[in-house]
């Protein structure tokens, strides 16, 4: 039994020696590769956290009626683009027009009475108190005219800003009542991303700060400027609303889904130049330069930033890695640095 065990051990040693000699012979036979190297650096960076958001218009309005009357004209439809001051809805307001005529007649009569009393006062045929009373009546009649004229102006509804109609709830012949929403419009030239930011991150977001916004539907990644940060957090969701102004792009639409990248907590990581890591299937490889040879090392990467690739695992600070001319290297191949 002991003799058999001894023979097996001898055979294994011969096999290992043969494999080692063959590997050494193969390594010696490989040509010397000219490469460029870099040092694994350690630096502190801010992590990025993504939150979801929605695009909305900066200027948007629900156009509602202020008076009761029959709608006589609606010259716009869904998608209609209209300039500021353009006609949106016209309402028949005959009762208000009649009230204006009555108020105007009373105003004219009050003006005549006041003029007459002033002439009489010059002849001492009336009293100053009577003139003062006529002045008050004149002022009341003037205010009534202004009020009726303002109410009549509500019968003609115009666009408060230039934009596009996104909702239409009224047609000619409908009865409009105060508070009834007739149209909705928005300025699609000025959009912003609205997102809910966790309370742990909202203190790191300030108005005027530039953030990256991704709109997958449009295939766009753009920079936006923080316009508003809610001063209080929602006690239910523990988030605060943040709005980000976006520059105009014809592919952007209100209601589109977006992702906003926010600065997270700072952390210290290892980085190598882009191109150092070689993907192979689901594995990521790096060649470490040591003893004038290229040594294969499996690594795990993280984010990419400013031409550098984060190394999560597999390397140590200060190690020398091959960053160029590394595509065709073999483990153990001799190298020389250019």
Protein backbone atom coordinates (compact mmCIF):
# COMPACT_ATOMS: atom_id res chain seq x y z
CA UNK A 1 0.00 0.00 0.00
CA UNK A 2 2.81 2.41 0.93
CA UNK A 3 4.71 1.51 -2.28
CA UNK A 4 1.59 2.30 -4.41
CA UNK A 5 1.11 5.69 -2.69
CA UNK A 6 4.76 6.54 -3.24
CA UNK A 7 4.54 5.69 -6.93
CA UNK A 8 1.44 7.87 -7.38
CA UNK A 9 3.16 10.84 -5.72
CA UNK A 10 6.20 10.40 -8.00
CA UNK A 11 4.00 10.29 -11.10
CA UNK A 12 2.16 13.49 -10.01
CA UNK A 13 5.45 15.31 -9.47
CA UNK A 14 6.67 14.27 -12.91
CA UNK A 15 3.37 15.46 -14.47
CA UNK A 16 3.48 18.84 -12.68
CA UNK A 17 7.13 19.30 -13.64
CA UNK A 18 6.28 18.54 -17.24
CA UNK A 19 3.38 21.02 -17.31
CA UNK A 20 5.51 23.72 -15.68
CA UNK A 21 8.30 23.16 -18.17
CA UNK A 22 5.81 23.29 -21.05
CA UNK A 23 4.27 26.57 -19.74
CA UNK A 24 7.74 28.05 -19.32
CA UNK A 25 8.66 26.96 -22.82
CA UNK A 26 5.43 28.49 -24.22
CA UNK A 27 6.02 31.76 -22.33
CA UNK A 28 9.58 31.92 -23.62
CA UNK A 29 8.37 31.33 -27.16
CA UNK A 30 5.95 34.33 -27.09
CA UNK A 31 7.21 37.52 -28.76
CA UNK A 32 7.94 40.60 -26.69
CA UNK A 33 5.01 43.04 -26.95
CA UNK A 34 5.49 46.81 -26.88
CA UNK A 35 2.85 48.30 -24.56
CA UNK A 36 1.95 51.46 -22.65
CA UNK A 37 1.23 51.30 -18.95
CA UNK A 38 -0.64 53.34 -16.36
CA UNK A 39 -0.88 53.32 -12.60
CA UNK A 40 -4.05 52.41 -10.74
CA UNK A 41 -5.08 55.66 -9.03
CA UNK A 42 -7.28 56.21 -6.03
CA UNK A 43 -9.51 59.28 -5.93
CA UNK A 44 -12.65 60.58 -4.26
CA UNK A 45 -15.68 61.08 -6.51
CA UNK A 46 -19.36 61.85 -6.03
CA UNK A 47 -21.72 59.03 -6.87
CA UNK A 48 -24.72 59.73 -9.11
CA UNK A 49 -28.27 58.79 -8.13
CA UNK A 50 -31.08 58.65 -10.67
CA UNK A 51 -34.63 59.77 -9.89
CA UNK A 52 -37.59 59.70 -12.26
CA UNK A 53 -39.41 62.79 -13.43
CA UNK A 54 -41.99 64.13 -15.88
CA UNK A 55 -41.77 66.94 -18.41
CA UNK A 56 -44.22 69.80 -18.05
CA UNK A 57 -44.62 73.30 -19.48
CA UNK A 58 -43.40 76.27 -17.48
CA UNK A 59 -46.40 78.31 -18.69
CA UNK A 60 -49.74 76.50 -18.62
CA UNK A 61 -53.26 77.72 -18.01
CA UNK A 62 -56.81 76.46 -17.56
CA UNK A 63 -59.05 78.90 -19.46
CA UNK A 64 -62.33 79.26 -17.53
CA UNK A 65 -65.43 81.37 -18.00
CA UNK A 66 -66.16 84.30 -15.69
CA UNK A 67 -69.66 85.08 -16.93
CA UNK A 68 -72.78 83.12 -17.85
CA UNK A 69 -73.74 83.00 -21.48
CA UNK A 70 -73.98 80.98 -24.67
CA UNK A 71 -70.69 80.29 -26.45
CA UNK A 72 -70.91 81.85 -29.91
CA UNK A 73 -67.39 81.32 -31.24
CA UNK A 74 -64.46 78.93 -30.61
CA UNK A 75 -61.91 79.52 -33.39
CA UNK A 76 -59.32 77.09 -31.99
CA UNK A 77 -59.02 73.31 -31.79
CA UNK A 78 -56.74 70.72 -30.24
CA UNK A 79 -53.16 71.40 -31.27
CA UNK A 80 -53.94 74.92 -32.50
CA UNK A 81 -51.05 77.30 -32.00
CA UNK A 82 -52.07 80.79 -30.98
CA UNK A 83 -50.24 84.01 -30.16
CA UNK A 84 -50.67 86.02 -27.00
CA UNK A 85 -53.90 88.05 -27.16
CA UNK A 86 -55.47 85.84 -29.84
CA UNK A 87 -59.18 85.02 -29.58
CA UNK A 88 -59.99 81.75 -27.80
CA UNK A 89 -63.69 81.88 -26.93
CA UNK A 90 -66.50 84.40 -27.43
CA UNK A 91 -69.59 84.35 -25.21
CA UNK A 92 -72.92 86.05 -25.85
CA UNK A 93 -73.56 88.34 -22.87
CA UNK A 94 -76.59 90.45 -23.81
CA UNK A 95 -77.66 90.98 -20.20
CA UNK A 96 -74.26 92.42 -19.31
CA UNK A 97 -74.38 94.62 -22.41
CA UNK A 98 -77.77 95.92 -21.32
CA UNK A 99 -76.43 96.60 -17.83
CA UNK A 100 -73.60 98.56 -19.38
CA UNK A 101 -76.06 100.67 -21.36
CA UNK A 102 -78.06 101.39 -18.21
CA UNK A 103 -74.95 102.29 -16.26
CA UNK A 104 -73.79 104.55 -19.06
CA UNK A 105 -77.16 106.36 -19.13
CA UNK A 106 -77.05 106.93 -15.34
CA UNK A 107 -73.49 108.18 -15.67
CA UNK A 108 -74.47 110.66 -18.39
CA UNK A 109 -77.42 111.88 -16.31
CA UNK A 110 -75.23 112.27 -13.22
CA UNK A 111 -72.77 114.30 -15.27
CA UNK A 112 -75.49 116.65 -16.47
CA UNK A 113 -76.90 117.09 -12.97
CA UNK A 114 -73.45 117.85 -11.57
CA UNK A 115 -72.79 120.48 -14.27
CA UNK A 116 -76.16 122.12 -13.60
CA UNK A 117 -75.62 122.31 -9.87
CA UNK A 118 -72.15 123.80 -10.34
CA UNK A 119 -73.58 126.59 -12.52
CA UNK A 120 -76.28 127.25 -9.94
CA UNK A 121 -73.67 127.39 -7.19
CA UNK A 122 -71.83 130.12 -9.09
CA UNK A 123 -75.08 132.16 -8.97
CA UNK A 124 -75.65 131.26 -5.30
CA UNK A 125 -78.83 129.46 -6.35
CA UNK A 126 -77.87 126.18 -4.63
CA UNK A 127 -75.70 124.99 -1.75
CA UNK A 128 -72.23 123.47 -1.70
CA UNK A 129 -73.69 120.40 0.03
CA UNK A 130 -75.95 119.74 -2.95
CA UNK A 131 -72.99 119.97 -5.32
CA UNK A 132 -71.05 117.56 -3.10
CA UNK A 133 -73.96 115.09 -3.23
CA UNK A 134 -74.05 115.34 -7.02
CA UNK A 135 -70.31 114.65 -7.18
CA UNK A 136 -70.79 111.47 -5.16
CA UNK A 137 -73.59 110.32 -7.45
CA UNK A 138 -71.37 111.01 -10.45
CA UNK A 139 -68.53 108.91 -8.95
CA UNK A 140 -70.91 106.02 -8.20
CA UNK A 141 -72.29 106.10 -11.75
CA UNK A 142 -68.76 106.14 -13.19
CA UNK A 143 -67.74 103.11 -11.11
CA UNK A 144 -70.86 101.26 -12.29
CA UNK A 145 -69.90 101.89 -15.90
CA UNK A 146 -66.37 100.61 -15.31
CA UNK A 147 -67.69 97.49 -13.56
CA UNK A 148 -70.17 96.68 -16.32
CA UNK A 149 -67.51 97.29 -18.98
CA UNK A 150 -65.12 94.92 -17.19
CA UNK A 151 -67.79 92.22 -16.93
CA UNK A 152 -68.55 92.59 -20.63
CA UNK A 153 -64.85 92.17 -21.47
CA UNK A 154 -64.98 88.72 -19.85
CA UNK A 155 -67.27 87.61 -22.68
CA UNK A 156 -64.27 87.74 -25.01
CA UNK A 157 -61.53 85.37 -23.81
CA UNK A 158 -58.04 85.78 -25.26
CA UNK A 159 -54.79 83.86 -24.89
CA UNK A 160 -52.72 84.96 -21.84
CA UNK A 161 -49.51 83.85 -23.60
CA UNK A 162 -48.37 82.27 -26.86
CA UNK A 163 -48.81 78.52 -26.88
CA UNK A 164 -50.77 75.50 -28.07
CA UNK A 165 -54.23 74.17 -27.14
CA UNK A 166 -53.94 70.80 -25.35
CA UNK A 167 -57.55 70.33 -24.18
CA UNK A 168 -60.90 71.54 -25.51
CA UNK A 169 -64.09 71.16 -23.47
CA UNK A 170 -66.41 73.61 -25.22
CA UNK A 171 -68.07 74.11 -28.61
CA UNK A 172 -70.22 76.81 -30.13
CA UNK A 173 -73.73 76.65 -28.64
CA UNK A 174 -72.66 75.37 -25.22
CA UNK A 175 -73.68 77.25 -22.11
CA UNK A 176 -70.71 78.68 -20.23
CA UNK A 177 -70.93 79.31 -16.51
CA UNK A 178 -68.47 80.99 -14.11
CA UNK A 179 -65.63 78.64 -13.17
CA UNK A 180 -66.26 76.23 -16.05
CA UNK A 181 -62.94 75.19 -17.68
CA UNK A 182 -63.32 75.74 -21.41
CA UNK A 183 -59.77 75.15 -22.70
CA UNK A 184 -56.31 74.25 -21.50
CA UNK A 185 -53.21 75.62 -23.15
CA UNK A 186 -49.48 75.57 -22.56
CA UNK A 187 -46.30 77.08 -23.91
CA UNK A 188 -44.47 74.09 -25.39
CA UNK A 189 -41.39 76.21 -26.13
CA UNK A 190 -40.44 76.34 -22.43
CA UNK A 191 -40.37 72.96 -20.68
CA UNK A 192 -39.02 71.70 -17.39
CA UNK A 193 -38.48 68.35 -15.72
CA UNK A 194 -40.27 67.85 -12.41
CA UNK A 195 -38.98 65.13 -10.09
CA UNK A 196 -39.37 64.01 -6.49
CA UNK A 197 -35.98 63.98 -4.74
CA UNK A 198 -35.43 61.91 -1.55
CA UNK A 199 -34.97 64.07 1.52
CA UNK A 200 -31.48 62.59 2.03
CA UNK A 201 -30.34 64.18 -1.26
CA UNK A 202 -32.43 67.34 -1.57
CA UNK A 203 -30.02 69.40 0.54
CA UNK A 204 -27.35 68.82 -2.12
CA UNK A 205 -29.54 70.38 -4.84
CA UNK A 206 -29.51 74.18 -5.13
CA UNK A 207 -31.27 76.61 -7.53
CA UNK A 208 -29.03 77.39 -10.51
CA UNK A 209 -27.24 74.03 -10.29
CA UNK A 210 -26.74 72.11 -13.56
CA UNK A 211 -28.06 68.54 -13.65
CA UNK A 212 -28.15 65.87 -16.35
CA UNK A 213 -31.61 64.92 -17.62
CA UNK A 214 -32.25 61.81 -19.77
CA UNK A 215 -35.42 61.55 -21.91
CA UNK A 216 -35.54 57.95 -23.21
CA UNK A 217 -38.50 58.49 -25.57
CA UNK A 218 -36.62 61.23 -27.42
CA UNK A 219 -33.22 59.56 -27.10
CA UNK A 220 -31.80 62.73 -25.56
CA UNK A 221 -29.37 63.43 -22.74
CA UNK A 222 -29.31 67.15 -21.97
CA UNK A 223 -28.22 69.47 -19.20
CA UNK A 224 -30.81 71.48 -17.30
CA UNK A 225 -30.65 74.19 -14.68
CA UNK A 226 -32.47 73.81 -11.35
CA UNK A 227 -35.25 76.42 -11.22
CA UNK A 228 -37.02 75.58 -7.95
CA UNK A 229 -36.47 73.38 -4.91
CA UNK A 230 -39.40 72.80 -2.57
CA UNK A 231 -38.60 74.13 0.91
CA UNK A 232 -40.50 71.29 2.62
CA UNK A 233 -40.59 67.53 2.13
CA UNK A 234 -43.74 65.44 1.70
CA UNK A 235 -44.23 63.62 5.04
CA UNK A 236 -45.72 60.60 3.25
CA UNK A 237 -43.18 59.99 0.47
CA UNK A 238 -40.23 61.72 2.23
CA UNK A 239 -39.40 63.54 -0.98
CA UNK A 240 -39.25 67.18 -2.09
CA UNK A 241 -40.20 68.48 -5.53
CA UNK A 242 -37.45 69.86 -7.76
CA UNK A 243 -38.04 71.55 -11.13
CA UNK A 244 -35.33 71.80 -13.79
CA UNK A 245 -35.50 74.19 -16.74
CA UNK A 246 -34.68 72.61 -20.11
CA UNK A 247 -33.55 74.25 -23.33
CA UNK A 248 -35.96 73.97 -26.28
CA UNK A 249 -35.85 70.85 -28.41
CA UNK A 250 -38.53 69.95 -30.96
CA UNK A 251 -38.48 66.30 -29.80
CA UNK A 252 -39.55 67.15 -26.27
CA UNK A 253 -43.22 66.84 -25.29
CA UNK A 254 -45.04 67.50 -22.05
CA UNK A 255 -45.77 64.35 -20.09
CA UNK A 256 -42.66 62.52 -21.29
CA UNK A 257 -40.83 60.29 -18.83
CA UNK A 258 -37.38 61.47 -17.75
CA UNK A 259 -34.51 60.45 -15.51
CA UNK A 260 -32.56 63.03 -13.54
CA UNK A 261 -29.03 62.36 -12.27
CA UNK A 262 -28.36 63.80 -8.82
CA UNK A 263 -25.06 64.00 -6.94
CA UNK A 264 -24.92 61.38 -4.20
CA UNK A 265 -22.50 60.70 -1.38
CA UNK A 266 -18.75 61.06 -2.01
CA UNK A 267 -16.72 57.84 -2.06
CA UNK A 268 -13.12 56.77 -2.69
CA UNK A 269 -12.56 54.38 -5.60
CA UNK A 270 -9.84 53.00 -7.85
CA UNK A 271 -9.65 54.16 -11.46
CA UNK A 272 -7.79 53.14 -14.62
CA UNK A 273 -7.84 54.81 -18.06
CA UNK A 274 -10.60 53.77 -20.46
CA UNK A 275 -9.33 50.97 -22.69
CA UNK A 276 -7.47 49.22 -19.90
CA UNK A 277 -10.36 46.85 -19.20
CA UNK A 278 -10.99 44.25 -21.91
CA UNK A 279 -14.46 42.65 -21.95
CA UNK A 280 -14.74 38.98 -22.85
CA UNK A 281 -18.25 37.63 -22.67
CA UNK A 282 -19.51 38.39 -19.18
CA UNK A 283 -15.96 38.72 -17.81
CA UNK A 284 -13.79 41.82 -17.62
CA UNK A 285 -10.01 41.42 -17.91
CA UNK A 286 -6.99 43.57 -17.14
CA UNK A 287 -3.31 42.86 -17.77
CA UNK A 288 -1.03 43.83 -14.88
CA UNK A 289 2.60 44.62 -15.73
CA UNK A 290 5.08 42.95 -13.35
CA UNK A 291 8.54 41.41 -13.84
CA UNK A 292 8.47 42.54 -17.51
CA UNK A 293 5.50 40.27 -18.17
CA UNK A 294 1.75 40.70 -18.67
CA UNK A 295 -0.30 38.96 -16.00
CA UNK A 296 -4.01 38.40 -16.61
CA UNK A 297 -6.35 39.63 -13.86
CA UNK A 298 -10.15 39.44 -13.70
CA UNK A 299 -11.81 42.63 -12.42
CA UNK A 300 -15.23 44.13 -11.81
CA UNK A 301 -15.94 47.68 -13.03
CA UNK A 302 -18.26 50.45 -11.99
CA UNK A 303 -18.99 53.87 -13.46
CA UNK A 304 -17.20 55.70 -16.28
CA UNK A 305 -16.17 59.30 -15.68
CA UNK A 306 -13.85 61.75 -17.47
CA UNK A 307 -12.03 59.07 -19.46
CA UNK A 308 -11.55 56.79 -16.44
CA UNK A 309 -13.12 53.45 -15.53
CA UNK A 310 -13.89 52.63 -11.92
CA UNK A 311 -12.47 49.34 -10.62
CA UNK A 312 -14.72 47.86 -7.95
CA UNK A 313 -12.69 44.69 -7.39
CA UNK A 314 -9.58 42.95 -8.73
CA UNK A 315 -6.84 45.61 -8.45
CA UNK A 316 -4.90 47.42 -5.73
CA UNK A 317 -3.82 51.07 -5.56
CA UNK A 318 -0.47 51.75 -7.20
CA UNK A 319 -0.38 48.62 -9.39
CA UNK A 320 0.83 49.06 -12.95
CA UNK A 321 -1.65 48.06 -15.65
CA UNK A 322 -1.31 47.88 -19.42
CA UNK A 323 -3.57 50.54 -20.92
CA UNK A 324 -2.64 50.37 -24.63
CA UNK A 325 -1.68 47.63 -27.11
CA UNK A 326 -3.26 45.11 -24.76
CA UNK A 327 -5.89 43.59 -27.07
CA UNK A 328 -3.80 40.62 -28.22
CA UNK A 329 -1.75 39.92 -25.09
CA UNK A 330 -1.51 36.48 -23.54
CA UNK A 331 -1.06 35.74 -19.87
CA UNK A 332 2.64 35.60 -19.09
CA UNK A 333 3.75 37.21 -22.35
CA UNK A 334 6.98 39.27 -22.16
CA UNK A 335 6.46 43.02 -22.56
CA UNK A 336 8.45 46.18 -22.95
CA UNK A 337 7.22 49.67 -22.14
CA UNK A 338 7.23 52.26 -24.90
